[in-house]
């Protein structure tokens, strides 16, 4: 996991009860159009399902889209599960409606990047390309 040759593999997930996935689909398509392999999990995924998918798909990264306000709980659960399953090399990033005050604590927990409304697809693609397989260089 995490440092395979070939295209970057990203799981894009909508954990929790959030029912709006347009933004996640836009990001998934942008990453795909940039030459990455993208696995979109669909709505209402549990953190366990997201991590299972990432491990099964040999993903380099997980992109979480959270609009429901449960970002602190859901990001932490995904990161904890990755650590428990010896898969902490899978980078976690995300976006959605996340208050500025919550970004630093999420990064301290291990979230590599948070993209808030207004972030361009190009900036997200560029960040993934620059960071996913070379975190020390980003």
C-alpha atoms as a PDB file:
ATOM      1  CA  UNK A   1       0.000   0.000   0.000  1.00  0.00           C
ATOM      2  CA  UNK A   2       0.949   3.581  -0.462  1.00  0.00           C
ATOM      3  CA  UNK A   3       4.036   3.463  -2.691  1.00  0.00           C
ATOM      4  CA  UNK A   4       3.099   1.327  -5.697  1.00  0.00           C
ATOM      5  CA  UNK A   5       4.248   2.037  -9.220  1.00  0.00           C
ATOM      6  CA  UNK A   6       1.733   3.095 -11.826  1.00  0.00           C
ATOM      7  CA  UNK A   7      -1.058   5.620 -11.516  1.00  0.00           C
ATOM      8  CA  UNK A   8      -1.897   7.123  -8.159  1.00  0.00           C
ATOM      9  CA  UNK A   9      -4.894   5.273  -6.693  1.00  0.00           C
ATOM     10  CA  UNK A  10      -7.376   7.347  -4.687  1.00  0.00           C
ATOM     11  CA  UNK A  11     -10.486   6.222  -2.837  1.00  0.00           C
ATOM     12  CA  UNK A  12     -13.025   9.062  -2.756  1.00  0.00           C
ATOM     13  CA  UNK A  13     -15.572   8.492  -0.004  1.00  0.00           C
ATOM     14  CA  UNK A  14     -18.672  10.030   1.541  1.00  0.00           C
ATOM     15  CA  UNK A  15     -18.682   8.734   5.116  1.00  0.00           C
ATOM     16  CA  UNK A  16     -21.571   9.191   7.492  1.00  0.00           C
ATOM     17  CA  UNK A  17     -25.126  10.280   6.876  1.00  0.00           C
ATOM     18  CA  UNK A  18     -24.353  13.077   4.436  1.00  0.00           C
ATOM     19  CA  UNK A  19     -26.534  12.687   1.355  1.00  0.00           C
ATOM     20  CA  UNK A  20     -24.996  15.246  -0.999  1.00  0.00           C
ATOM     21  CA  UNK A  21     -22.252  13.876  -3.242  1.00  0.00           C
ATOM     22  CA  UNK A  22     -21.952  16.270  -6.165  1.00  0.00           C
ATOM     23  CA  UNK A  23     -18.667  17.732  -4.899  1.00  0.00           C
ATOM     24  CA  UNK A  24     -17.172  14.293  -4.281  1.00  0.00           C
ATOM     25  CA  UNK A  25     -18.104  13.243  -7.812  1.00  0.00           C
ATOM     26  CA  UNK A  26     -16.551  16.411  -9.251  1.00  0.00           C
ATOM     27  CA  UNK A  27     -13.300  15.719  -7.382  1.00  0.00           C
ATOM     28  CA  UNK A  28     -13.353  12.047  -8.380  1.00  0.00           C
ATOM     29  CA  UNK A  29     -13.748  13.003 -12.031  1.00  0.00           C
ATOM     30  CA  UNK A  30     -11.003  15.642 -11.860  1.00  0.00           C
ATOM     31  CA  UNK A  31      -8.571  13.133 -10.344  1.00  0.00           C
ATOM     32  CA  UNK A  32      -9.557  10.534 -12.941  1.00  0.00           C
ATOM     33  CA  UNK A  33      -9.181  13.022 -15.779  1.00  0.00           C
ATOM     34  CA  UNK A  34      -5.693  13.797 -14.436  1.00  0.00           C
ATOM     35  CA  UNK A  35      -4.712  10.158 -14.943  1.00  0.00           C
ATOM     36  CA  UNK A  36      -5.316   8.781 -11.473  1.00  0.00           C
ATOM     37  CA  UNK A  37      -7.263   5.628 -10.714  1.00  0.00           C
ATOM     38  CA  UNK A  38     -10.270   6.606  -8.623  1.00  0.00           C
ATOM     39  CA  UNK A  39     -12.564   4.363  -6.639  1.00  0.00           C
ATOM     40  CA  UNK A  40     -15.718   6.204  -5.568  1.00  0.00           C
ATOM     41  CA  UNK A  41     -17.450   4.432  -2.690  1.00  0.00           C
ATOM     42  CA  UNK A  42     -20.846   6.110  -2.905  1.00  0.00           C
ATOM     43  CA  UNK A  43     -22.956   7.605  -0.137  1.00  0.00           C
ATOM     44  CA  UNK A  44     -23.387   6.594   3.496  1.00  0.00           C
ATOM     45  CA  UNK A  45     -20.139   4.706   4.007  1.00  0.00           C
ATOM     46  CA  UNK A  46     -18.887   3.786   7.453  1.00  0.00           C
ATOM     47  CA  UNK A  47     -15.253   4.495   8.311  1.00  0.00           C
ATOM     48  CA  UNK A  48     -14.739   0.712   8.332  1.00  0.00           C
ATOM     49  CA  UNK A  49     -16.081   0.409   4.790  1.00  0.00           C
ATOM     50  CA  UNK A  50     -13.863   3.256   3.597  1.00  0.00           C
ATOM     51  CA  UNK A  51     -10.731   1.738   5.119  1.00  0.00           C
ATOM     52  CA  UNK A  52     -11.626  -1.767   3.884  1.00  0.00           C
ATOM     53  CA  UNK A  53     -12.018  -0.405   0.360  1.00  0.00           C
ATOM     54  CA  UNK A  54      -8.721   1.505   0.516  1.00  0.00           C
ATOM     55  CA  UNK A  55      -6.835  -1.577   1.680  1.00  0.00           C
ATOM     56  CA  UNK A  56      -8.517  -3.906  -0.822  1.00  0.00           C
ATOM     57  CA  UNK A  57      -7.890  -1.481  -3.679  1.00  0.00           C
ATOM     58  CA  UNK A  58      -4.249  -0.880  -2.662  1.00  0.00           C
ATOM     59  CA  UNK A  59      -4.971   2.851  -2.532  1.00  0.00           C
ATOM     60  CA  UNK A  60      -2.326   5.498  -2.104  1.00  0.00           C
ATOM     61  CA  UNK A  61      -4.795   7.976  -0.610  1.00  0.00           C
ATOM     62  CA  UNK A  62      -8.308   8.444   0.715  1.00  0.00           C
ATOM     63  CA  UNK A  63     -10.201  11.630  -0.054  1.00  0.00           C
ATOM     64  CA  UNK A  64     -13.125  12.199   2.304  1.00  0.00           C
ATOM     65  CA  UNK A  65     -15.959  14.589   1.527  1.00  0.00           C
ATOM     66  CA  UNK A  66     -17.922  15.638   4.598  1.00  0.00           C
ATOM     67  CA  UNK A  67     -20.672  18.231   4.673  1.00  0.00           C
ATOM     68  CA  UNK A  68     -22.635  16.921   7.649  1.00  0.00           C
ATOM     69  CA  UNK A  69     -20.623  18.479  10.479  1.00  0.00           C
ATOM     70  CA  UNK A  70     -19.281  15.101  11.628  1.00  0.00           C
ATOM     71  CA  UNK A  71     -15.800  15.748  10.219  1.00  0.00           C
ATOM     72  CA  UNK A  72     -13.939  15.540  13.546  1.00  0.00           C
ATOM     73  CA  UNK A  73     -15.411  12.127  14.339  1.00  0.00           C
ATOM     74  CA  UNK A  74     -15.244  10.659  10.828  1.00  0.00           C
ATOM     75  CA  UNK A  75     -11.711  11.769   9.928  1.00  0.00           C
ATOM     76  CA  UNK A  76     -10.450  10.503  13.294  1.00  0.00           C
ATOM     77  CA  UNK A  77     -12.188   7.154  12.863  1.00  0.00           C
ATOM     78  CA  UNK A  78     -10.663   6.611   9.408  1.00  0.00           C
ATOM     79  CA  UNK A  79      -7.168   7.531  10.604  1.00  0.00           C
ATOM     80  CA  UNK A  80      -7.473   5.329  13.710  1.00  0.00           C
ATOM     81  CA  UNK A  81      -8.645   2.372  11.614  1.00  0.00           C
ATOM     82  CA  UNK A  82      -5.778   2.816   9.154  1.00  0.00           C
ATOM     83  CA  UNK A  83      -3.330   2.746  12.058  1.00  0.00           C
ATOM     84  CA  UNK A  84      -5.015  -0.320  13.608  1.00  0.00           C
ATOM     85  CA  UNK A  85      -4.850  -2.163  10.283  1.00  0.00           C
ATOM     86  CA  UNK A  86      -1.190  -1.308   9.665  1.00  0.00           C
ATOM     87  CA  UNK A  87      -2.139   0.897   6.724  1.00  0.00           C
ATOM     88  CA  UNK A  88      -1.146   4.322   8.024  1.00  0.00           C
ATOM     89  CA  UNK A  89       0.869   4.861   4.835  1.00  0.00           C
ATOM     90  CA  UNK A  90      -2.417   5.581   3.043  1.00  0.00           C
ATOM     91  CA  UNK A  91      -2.644   9.369   3.029  1.00  0.00           C
ATOM     92  CA  UNK A  92      -5.941  10.936   4.139  1.00  0.00           C
ATOM     93  CA  UNK A  93      -7.153  14.270   2.800  1.00  0.00           C
ATOM     94  CA  UNK A  94     -10.559  15.777   2.507  1.00  0.00           C
ATOM     95  CA  UNK A  95     -12.876  18.634   2.131  1.00  0.00           C
ATOM     96  CA  UNK A  96     -16.325  19.947   2.684  1.00  0.00           C
ATOM     97  CA  UNK A  97     -17.923  22.324   5.120  1.00  0.00           C
ATOM     98  CA  UNK A  98     -15.200  22.372   7.745  1.00  0.00           C
ATOM     99  CA  UNK A  99     -14.779  25.374  10.035  1.00  0.00           C
ATOM    100  CA  UNK A 100     -11.368  27.043   9.991  1.00  0.00           C
ATOM    101  CA  UNK A 101     -10.995  26.344  13.735  1.00  0.00           C
ATOM    102  CA  UNK A 102     -11.234  22.582  13.113  1.00  0.00           C
ATOM    103  CA  UNK A 103      -8.560  22.384  10.408  1.00  0.00           C
ATOM    104  CA  UNK A 104      -5.457  22.523  12.643  1.00  0.00           C
ATOM    105  CA  UNK A 105      -6.731  19.811  15.035  1.00  0.00           C
ATOM    106  CA  UNK A 106      -7.601  17.594  12.051  1.00  0.00           C
ATOM    107  CA  UNK A 107      -4.094  18.041  10.666  1.00  0.00           C
ATOM    108  CA  UNK A 108      -2.629  17.247  14.102  1.00  0.00           C
ATOM    109  CA  UNK A 109      -4.648  14.023  14.053  1.00  0.00           C
ATOM    110  CA  UNK A 110      -3.040  13.113  10.730  1.00  0.00           C
ATOM    111  CA  UNK A 111      -5.230  14.549   7.983  1.00  0.00           C
ATOM    112  CA  UNK A 112      -2.746  15.631   5.320  1.00  0.00           C
ATOM    113  CA  UNK A 113      -4.847  18.425   3.797  1.00  0.00           C
ATOM    114  CA  UNK A 114      -8.286  20.005   4.014  1.00  0.00           C
ATOM    115  CA  UNK A 115      -9.863  21.685   1.007  1.00  0.00           C
ATOM    116  CA  UNK A 116     -12.702  24.039   1.840  1.00  0.00           C
ATOM    117  CA  UNK A 117     -15.354  25.492  -0.479  1.00  0.00           C
ATOM    118  CA  UNK A 118     -13.707  27.535  -3.191  1.00  0.00           C
ATOM    119  CA  UNK A 119     -10.734  25.215  -3.649  1.00  0.00           C
ATOM    120  CA  UNK A 120     -10.250  24.538  -7.335  1.00  0.00           C
ATOM    121  CA  UNK A 121     -10.109  21.065  -8.783  1.00  0.00           C
ATOM    122  CA  UNK A 122      -6.737  22.002 -10.286  1.00  0.00           C
ATOM    123  CA  UNK A 123      -5.326  22.846  -6.841  1.00  0.00           C
ATOM    124  CA  UNK A 124      -6.537  19.514  -5.464  1.00  0.00           C
ATOM    125  CA  UNK A 125      -5.116  17.555  -8.414  1.00  0.00           C
ATOM    126  CA  UNK A 126      -1.795  19.400  -8.083  1.00  0.00           C
ATOM    127  CA  UNK A 127      -1.672  18.712  -4.338  1.00  0.00           C
ATOM    128  CA  UNK A 128      -2.391  15.005  -4.811  1.00  0.00           C
ATOM    129  CA  UNK A 129       0.274  14.696  -7.516  1.00  0.00           C
ATOM    130  CA  UNK A 130       2.856  16.534  -5.413  1.00  0.00           C
ATOM    131  CA  UNK A 131       2.080  14.896  -2.088  1.00  0.00           C
ATOM    132  CA  UNK A 132       0.645  11.420  -2.262  1.00  0.00           C
ATOM    133  CA  UNK A 133       3.778   9.500  -3.093  1.00  0.00           C
ATOM    134  CA  UNK A 134       6.251  12.104  -1.847  1.00  0.00           C
ATOM    135  CA  UNK A 135       4.915  13.431   1.488  1.00  0.00           C
ATOM    136  CA  UNK A 136       8.332  14.589   2.725  1.00  0.00           C
ATOM    137  CA  UNK A 137       8.735  16.783  -0.345  1.00  0.00           C
ATOM    138  CA  UNK A 138       5.373  18.557  -0.133  1.00  0.00           C
END
